[in-house]
Protein backbone atom coordinates (compact mmCIF):
# COMPACT_ATOMS: atom_id res chain seq x y z
CA MET A 1 -18.92 71.66 -189.54
CA ALA A 2 -16.03 70.39 -187.37
CA LYS A 3 -16.72 68.05 -184.52
CA GLY A 4 -14.80 67.89 -181.21
CA PRO A 5 -13.17 70.48 -178.97
CA ILE A 6 -12.30 73.92 -180.30
CA LEU A 7 -8.85 75.35 -179.46
CA PHE A 8 -8.22 79.08 -179.22
CA ASP A 9 -4.76 80.43 -179.83
CA LEU A 10 -3.95 83.22 -177.34
CA GLU A 11 -0.81 84.18 -179.25
CA GLY A 12 1.63 82.88 -176.68
CA GLU A 13 -0.08 84.36 -173.64
CA GLN A 14 -0.89 81.77 -171.01
CA THR A 15 -2.95 82.29 -167.90
CA PRO A 16 -0.88 81.43 -164.79
CA ARG A 17 -2.22 78.58 -162.73
CA PRO A 18 -2.80 79.17 -158.98
CA SER A 19 -0.21 77.64 -156.68
CA VAL A 20 -0.94 75.89 -153.41
CA ALA A 21 2.00 77.70 -151.82
CA ASP A 22 0.31 81.06 -152.49
CA ALA A 23 -2.79 80.09 -150.50
CA PRO A 24 -3.17 81.88 -147.16
CA ALA A 25 -2.43 79.90 -144.06
CA VAL A 26 -5.37 78.53 -142.13
CA VAL A 27 -5.49 80.00 -138.64
CA ASP A 28 -7.28 77.94 -136.03
CA GLN A 29 -9.75 80.04 -134.14
CA PRO A 30 -10.49 78.40 -130.80
CA ASP A 31 -14.11 78.38 -129.83
CA ALA A 32 -13.24 79.26 -126.24
CA GLU A 33 -10.22 80.31 -124.30
CA ALA A 34 -7.98 77.71 -122.70
CA PRO A 35 -9.13 76.22 -119.38
CA ARG A 36 -7.80 78.09 -116.37
CA GLY A 37 -9.21 76.14 -113.43
CA GLN A 38 -12.04 78.47 -112.50
CA ALA A 39 -13.38 76.15 -109.81
CA MET A 40 -10.11 76.07 -107.88
CA GLN A 41 -9.51 79.79 -108.29
CA ILE A 42 -12.98 80.62 -106.97
CA ALA A 43 -12.62 78.14 -104.09
CA ALA A 44 -9.20 79.56 -103.17
CA ARG A 45 -10.43 83.14 -103.15
CA LEU A 46 -13.49 82.20 -101.09
CA ALA A 47 -11.36 80.41 -98.50
CA ALA A 48 -8.67 83.08 -98.42
CA ARG A 49 -11.07 86.01 -98.19
CA LYS A 50 -10.76 87.76 -94.85
CA PRO A 51 -13.99 89.23 -93.49
CA SER A 52 -14.07 92.92 -92.72
CA ARG A 53 -14.21 94.29 -89.19
CA LEU A 54 -17.84 95.25 -89.69
CA MET A 55 -18.76 91.69 -90.70
CA ARG A 56 -16.81 90.21 -87.78
CA LEU A 57 -18.61 92.58 -85.42
CA PHE A 58 -21.94 91.65 -87.02
CA TRP A 59 -21.41 87.91 -86.67
CA GLY A 60 -20.06 88.29 -83.13
CA LEU A 61 -23.09 90.28 -81.99
CA ALA A 62 -25.43 87.91 -83.84
CA ALA A 63 -23.88 84.88 -82.13
CA ALA A 64 -24.06 86.56 -78.71
CA LEU A 65 -27.70 87.58 -79.24
CA ILE A 66 -28.79 84.17 -80.51
CA GLY A 67 -26.93 82.45 -77.67
CA ALA A 68 -28.61 84.67 -75.07
CA LEU A 69 -32.08 84.12 -76.55
CA VAL A 70 -31.60 80.35 -76.75
CA SER A 71 -30.28 80.19 -73.17
CA ILE A 72 -33.19 82.23 -71.78
CA ALA A 73 -35.75 80.21 -73.75
CA ALA A 74 -34.20 76.90 -72.60
CA TYR A 75 -34.05 78.03 -68.95
CA THR A 76 -37.67 79.21 -69.02
CA PHE A 77 -38.82 75.99 -70.69
CA VAL A 78 -37.01 73.77 -68.16
CA THR A 79 -38.24 75.70 -65.11
CA ASP A 80 -41.83 75.66 -66.39
CA LEU A 81 -41.56 71.95 -67.14
CA MET A 82 -40.17 71.20 -63.69
CA ALA A 83 -43.02 73.15 -62.10
CA ARG A 84 -45.62 71.13 -64.01
CA TYR A 85 -43.89 67.76 -64.43
CA PRO A 86 -40.93 67.43 -62.03
CA VAL A 87 -39.73 64.09 -63.39
CA LEU A 88 -39.63 65.28 -67.02
CA GLY A 89 -38.00 68.52 -65.91
CA LEU A 90 -35.20 66.66 -64.13
CA GLY A 91 -34.65 64.41 -67.13
CA LEU A 92 -34.44 67.35 -69.52
CA SER A 93 -32.09 69.15 -67.14
CA ALA A 94 -29.79 66.12 -67.15
CA LEU A 95 -29.80 66.11 -70.97
CA MET A 96 -28.92 69.79 -71.08
CA VAL A 97 -26.07 69.30 -68.61
CA ALA A 98 -24.75 66.42 -70.73
CA PHE A 99 -24.98 68.59 -73.87
CA LEU A 100 -23.06 71.41 -72.20
CA ALA A 101 -20.40 68.95 -71.04
CA VAL A 102 -19.95 67.62 -74.58
CA LEU A 103 -19.83 71.19 -75.89
CA ALA A 104 -17.08 71.98 -73.39
CA LEU A 105 -15.12 68.91 -74.51
CA VAL A 106 -15.43 70.01 -78.14
CA ALA A 107 -14.14 73.46 -77.19
CA LEU A 108 -11.19 71.90 -75.35
CA ARG A 109 -10.41 69.75 -78.37
CA GLU A 110 -10.41 72.80 -80.62
CA MET A 111 -8.06 74.57 -78.21
CA ALA A 112 -5.77 71.54 -78.16
CA ALA A 113 -5.79 71.51 -81.97
CA PHE A 114 -4.68 75.14 -82.06
CA GLY A 115 -1.98 74.23 -79.55
CA ARG A 116 -0.68 71.40 -81.77
CA LEU A 117 -0.55 73.69 -84.79
CA GLY A 118 1.28 76.29 -82.70
CA ARG A 119 3.78 73.67 -81.60
CA LEU A 120 4.51 72.78 -85.22
CA ASP A 121 4.98 76.45 -86.08
CA GLY A 122 7.33 76.96 -83.14
CA LEU A 123 9.39 73.90 -84.02
CA ARG A 124 9.70 74.93 -87.66
CA HIS A 125 10.70 78.46 -86.61
CA SER A 126 13.40 77.12 -84.30
CA ALA A 127 14.77 74.84 -87.01
CA THR A 128 14.81 77.71 -89.49
CA GLN A 129 16.72 79.89 -87.02
CA ALA A 130 19.21 77.09 -86.35
CA LEU A 131 19.88 76.62 -90.06
CA ALA A 132 20.14 80.35 -90.72
CA HIS A 133 22.66 80.98 -87.92
CA ASP A 134 24.26 77.48 -87.88
CA ASP A 135 23.49 77.24 -84.16
CA LEU A 136 24.07 73.68 -82.97
CA SER A 137 22.41 74.21 -79.57
CA ILE A 138 19.16 75.41 -81.15
CA ALA A 139 19.33 72.52 -83.61
CA ARG A 140 19.70 70.00 -80.77
CA ASP A 141 16.76 71.52 -78.94
CA ALA A 142 14.68 71.33 -82.13
CA ALA A 143 15.70 67.70 -82.61
CA ASP A 144 14.67 66.85 -79.04
CA ARG A 145 11.31 68.53 -79.57
CA LEU A 146 10.87 66.60 -82.80
CA LEU A 147 11.49 63.31 -80.98
CA ARG A 148 8.94 64.24 -78.30
CA LEU A 149 6.44 65.19 -81.00
CA TYR A 150 6.57 61.75 -82.60
CA LYS A 151 7.09 59.72 -79.45
CA GLY A 152 4.78 56.72 -79.49
CA ARG A 153 4.08 56.79 -83.25
CA GLU A 154 4.85 53.44 -84.82
CA ASP A 155 5.41 54.87 -88.31
CA THR A 156 8.39 56.87 -87.04
CA ARG A 157 9.84 54.31 -84.62
CA TRP A 158 12.56 53.02 -86.94
CA GLY A 159 13.53 56.55 -87.98
CA ARG A 160 13.75 57.75 -84.38
CA GLU A 161 15.94 54.82 -83.43
CA ARG A 162 18.17 55.41 -86.44
CA PHE A 163 18.42 59.11 -85.61
CA GLY A 164 19.40 58.23 -82.05
CA GLU A 165 22.32 56.21 -83.39
CA LEU A 166 23.55 58.93 -85.76
CA ARG A 167 22.94 62.18 -83.89
CA ALA A 168 26.15 62.03 -81.81
CA ASP A 169 28.27 62.13 -84.98
CA GLN A 170 26.71 65.37 -86.28
CA LEU A 171 28.81 68.42 -85.40
CA ASP A 172 26.84 71.22 -87.07
CA ALA A 173 23.21 72.32 -87.20
CA SER A 174 22.57 71.56 -90.87
CA ALA A 175 23.95 68.02 -90.58
CA LEU A 176 21.97 67.27 -87.41
CA LEU A 177 18.66 68.54 -88.77
CA GLY A 178 19.40 66.92 -92.12
CA VAL A 179 19.69 63.50 -90.48
CA ALA A 180 16.49 64.15 -88.51
CA GLU A 181 14.76 65.16 -91.71
CA THR A 182 15.82 62.17 -93.79
CA GLU A 183 15.39 59.55 -91.08
CA ILE A 184 12.23 60.68 -89.28
CA LEU A 185 10.25 62.73 -91.78
CA ALA A 186 10.88 60.68 -94.93
CA PRO A 187 7.94 58.26 -94.47
CA LEU A 188 5.68 61.15 -93.48
CA ASP A 189 6.61 63.05 -96.64
CA ILE A 190 5.69 60.03 -98.74
CA ALA A 191 2.32 59.70 -97.00
CA ALA A 192 1.59 63.42 -97.39
CA GLN A 193 2.47 63.34 -101.09
CA ARG A 194 0.08 60.43 -101.61
CA GLU A 195 -2.68 62.48 -100.02
CA VAL A 196 -1.95 65.33 -102.41
CA GLU A 197 -2.03 63.00 -105.41
CA ALA A 198 -5.34 61.49 -104.32
CA ALA A 199 -6.91 64.91 -103.79
CA ALA A 200 -5.69 66.19 -107.17
CA ARG A 201 -7.11 63.11 -108.90
CA GLN A 202 -10.44 63.50 -107.11
CA VAL A 203 -10.81 67.19 -107.97
CA ALA A 204 -9.91 66.56 -111.62
CA THR A 205 -12.41 63.71 -111.92
CA VAL A 206 -15.31 65.51 -110.25
CA THR A 207 -14.78 68.69 -112.24
CA ALA A 208 -14.64 66.78 -115.51
CA LEU A 209 -17.70 64.59 -114.87
CA VAL A 210 -20.07 66.83 -112.89
CA PRO A 211 -21.78 69.35 -115.19
CA LEU A 212 -23.39 71.45 -112.45
CA ALA A 213 -22.23 75.07 -112.18
CA LEU A 214 -21.26 75.28 -108.50
CA ALA A 215 -20.75 71.59 -107.82
CA ASP A 216 -17.14 71.73 -109.02
CA VAL A 217 -16.41 74.67 -106.69
CA ALA A 218 -17.92 72.85 -103.71
CA ALA A 219 -16.06 69.63 -104.60
CA ALA A 220 -12.75 71.47 -104.99
CA LEU A 221 -13.13 73.33 -101.69
CA THR A 222 -14.19 70.18 -99.81
CA ALA A 223 -11.36 68.07 -101.25
CA ASN A 224 -8.76 70.72 -100.44
CA LEU A 225 -10.05 71.11 -96.88
CA ARG A 226 -9.85 67.35 -96.37
CA MET A 227 -6.40 67.18 -97.95
CA ILE A 228 -4.95 69.96 -95.79
CA ARG A 229 -6.44 68.40 -92.67
CA ARG A 230 -4.98 65.00 -93.53
CA ILE A 231 -1.54 66.51 -94.19
CA ALA A 232 -1.66 68.24 -90.81
CA GLU A 233 -2.58 64.95 -89.14
CA ILE A 234 0.29 63.14 -90.87
CA TYR A 235 2.83 65.65 -89.55
CA GLY A 236 1.38 65.59 -86.04
CA GLY A 237 -0.81 68.68 -86.13
CA ARG A 238 -4.20 67.03 -85.95
CA SER A 239 -6.66 69.89 -86.06
CA GLY A 240 -10.33 70.39 -85.37
CA PHE A 241 -12.87 72.21 -87.52
CA PHE A 242 -11.75 75.74 -86.75
CA GLY A 243 -8.09 74.77 -86.80
CA SER A 244 -8.47 73.17 -90.23
CA TRP A 245 -10.26 76.23 -91.57
CA ARG A 246 -7.59 78.55 -90.20
CA LEU A 247 -4.84 76.39 -91.67
CA THR A 248 -6.61 76.29 -95.03
CA ARG A 249 -6.97 80.07 -95.05
CA ALA A 250 -3.26 80.46 -94.26
CA VAL A 251 -2.25 78.15 -97.12
CA LEU A 252 -4.61 79.60 -99.72
CA SER A 253 -3.94 83.19 -98.68
CA HIS A 254 -0.25 82.60 -99.36
CA LEU A 255 -1.02 81.12 -102.78
CA VAL A 256 -3.40 83.91 -103.73
CA ALA A 257 -0.96 86.60 -102.56
CA THR A 258 1.91 85.12 -104.59
CA GLY A 259 -0.24 84.56 -107.67
CA ALA A 260 0.32 80.81 -107.55
CA VAL A 261 -3.40 80.04 -107.97
CA ALA A 262 -2.97 79.94 -111.73
CA VAL A 263 -1.61 77.36 -114.09
CA GLY A 264 -0.82 77.42 -117.77
CA ASP A 265 -0.33 74.93 -120.55
CA ASP A 266 3.40 74.95 -119.88
CA MET A 267 2.86 72.88 -116.72
CA LEU A 268 0.53 70.30 -118.24
CA GLU A 269 1.97 69.92 -121.73
CA PRO A 270 5.07 67.95 -120.65
CA ILE A 271 2.75 65.49 -118.91
CA LEU A 272 -0.12 65.24 -121.38
CA GLY A 273 2.02 65.42 -124.49
CA GLY A 274 2.42 68.49 -126.68
CA SER A 275 -0.78 70.43 -127.29
CA LEU A 276 -3.11 67.67 -126.16
CA LEU A 277 -4.62 69.97 -123.53
CA GLY A 278 -5.92 72.30 -126.23
CA LYS A 279 -7.58 69.37 -128.05
CA LEU A 280 -9.49 68.15 -125.02
CA SER A 281 -13.04 69.10 -124.24
CA ARG A 282 -13.53 72.26 -122.26
CA ARG A 283 -14.87 70.42 -119.23
CA PHE A 284 -12.11 67.82 -119.17
CA GLY A 285 -9.46 70.51 -119.54
CA GLU A 286 -10.91 72.41 -116.58
CA GLY A 287 -10.72 69.22 -114.53
CA LEU A 288 -7.04 68.75 -115.31
CA VAL A 289 -6.19 72.35 -114.46
CA ASN A 290 -8.14 72.17 -111.19
CA GLY A 291 -6.24 69.00 -110.31
CA ALA A 292 -2.95 70.74 -111.02
CA LEU A 293 -3.91 73.66 -108.80
CA THR A 294 -4.87 71.22 -106.05
CA ALA A 295 -1.37 69.76 -106.30
CA ARG A 296 0.07 73.24 -105.77
CA VAL A 297 -2.12 73.73 -102.70
CA GLY A 298 -0.97 70.36 -101.37
CA VAL A 299 2.71 71.20 -101.70
CA ALA A 300 2.13 74.53 -99.95
CA ALA A 301 0.26 72.69 -97.16
CA MET A 302 3.21 70.32 -96.73
CA GLU A 303 5.54 73.29 -96.29
CA VAL A 304 3.20 74.90 -93.74
CA CYS A 305 2.49 71.73 -91.71
CA ARG A 306 5.96 70.17 -91.81
CA PRO A 307 7.83 70.59 -88.48
CA LEU A 308 11.17 71.06 -90.29
CA PRO A 309 11.77 73.11 -93.44
CA PHE A 310 12.86 71.31 -96.60
CA SER A 311 16.66 71.35 -96.46
CA ALA A 312 18.38 67.99 -96.86
CA THR A 313 15.28 66.58 -98.55
CA ALA A 314 14.17 68.11 -101.83
CA ARG A 315 10.86 69.93 -101.88
CA PRO A 316 8.22 67.89 -103.75
CA LYS A 317 7.85 69.01 -107.35
CA VAL A 318 4.38 69.95 -108.48
CA ARG A 319 4.97 68.49 -111.94
CA SER A 320 5.95 65.13 -110.45
CA ILE A 321 2.78 65.06 -108.36
CA ILE A 322 0.68 66.01 -111.40
CA ALA A 323 2.33 63.27 -113.46
CA ASN A 324 1.60 60.63 -110.81
CA SER A 325 -1.97 61.73 -110.13
CA LEU A 326 -3.24 62.98 -113.51
CA GLY A 327 -0.92 61.32 -116.01
CA GLY A 328 -2.69 58.00 -115.55
CA LEU A 329 -5.90 59.48 -116.95
CA PHE A 330 -4.34 59.22 -120.42
CA GLY A 331 -3.29 55.92 -121.91
CA LYS A 332 -0.85 57.50 -124.38
CA ALA A 333 0.24 60.52 -122.44
CA ASP A 334 3.82 61.56 -122.82
CA ARG A 335 5.31 61.74 -119.35
CA GLY A 336 8.67 62.91 -120.47
CA SER A 337 10.53 65.95 -119.18
């Protein structure tokens, strides 16, 4: 009996061996869809939502009714207290008068804030008309109003003095407003862009690190409100509570209406490097997208709050702001393109 392996002759027929090239391609199936910045989208829609007439009527009547009830209850309490304890009644009356005086001052401050925002809108409208029709007289009036707006501000002193030296040589509207824009508004643009970068970084960090469901929405809305208010203050439109909310609604309503409250991988890939965004964790990717959307809101707020439209100075690029604010979160990120 033979020992060892046994060979079978298949009469020249050989079984073909499988080839690696014939193997089907492996298709990556993502566990979840790409991050889309849900926190910022929800916050933008909440801020931009306009209440219906029925809801405005409801809240108006509710405020009037509550105010009447509180006033009657306070008046009855003070009169009864004065009848029983005259000294305590007089002291409480003085406190109520002081409270009403402070409330009146707050109301005046809110009205002044609306006035400042209206002055910025009027100045920007005049400058836009001057550029559109090349009207030198309107441009000179807008330049004078711009100087009055920033009179007394130390951060614009050098620019105002420089503009005063150069304005006589400008013979058309675009040149005059261009000099005003580059000399006076340049440091303000830099300060506003830094505010946008800081807000984008904050929103991205909070969204990535806070696991709570609605905490990222609250953080995004709060950071954007603060950012828009700071941008308005930088450009001279310091606003109160209601003015800031109205300005925020105007900015976010514009973004929602134009569909700009959305961002894709094409905006973040040049900054993060190829398809790195798809390899990140879901939470961290959401943070980056929310930060990018915050940068878009910041640029829109700069356009709304700026007293002159972007003409001689280039409009800030969202990708540049994202690269400065979010690119530093990656040690090996490719910041090219």
